[in-house]
Amino acid sequence: MKQLKNYLKVFQNEAKGFFLIEVIVVSAVIGTVLIFLLGSIQNSVEASQRSLERTQAAYLLEEGFEIVKAIRNQSNGWQTITNLAVGTNYYANWTGSVWTLTTVPTQTGIFTRTIVKANVLRDSNDDISSSGTADLGTMQFTNTVVWQSPSGTKTETLSFYISNINE
């Protein structure tokens, strides 16, 4: 009987040792899973932030197009557009009642939007081309939105043509 008790004691001590090893192994597995899970969550948050920034930039690009259109539609708007210097960076400015374009840089949150005018040339077929006769009734604008992201400088661009609809 004494031998049986000694055997049971040894077995219990060994079982306690195995239980401790099992706890350490399970803790390591849970810790590893949590580290990977937290990394995935962080990647998801960063992807969501990048997506939000790109969506905001897309809205600013669309708004830039609408701003140029609104300026054109004002009285003497086409004259305002034709008076803009070619190749100059312009920035949208809301005066409280109308949009204007100014050379003073402005920011919308983390975004800087520039609007640049270019002349339009037409070839002998009256198609837009890189050389030919100047079309004074059509202008090209390039709207660029730039912002700083944790992964570096990001840029989105939209080019469009606008015509004098009052001719």
Foldseek 3Di string as FASTA:
>chain_A
DVVVVVVVVVVVVVVVVVVVVVVVVVVVVVVVVVVVVVVVVVVVVLVVVVVVVVVVQVVVQVVVVVQLVQQLPPVCSLVLVLPDDAPQWWFWDDPPPHIDTDNDWDADVQKTKTKGKDWWAADPVRHTDPDHHTDSFKIKIKIKIWGADPVGIDIDIDMDMDGNPPD
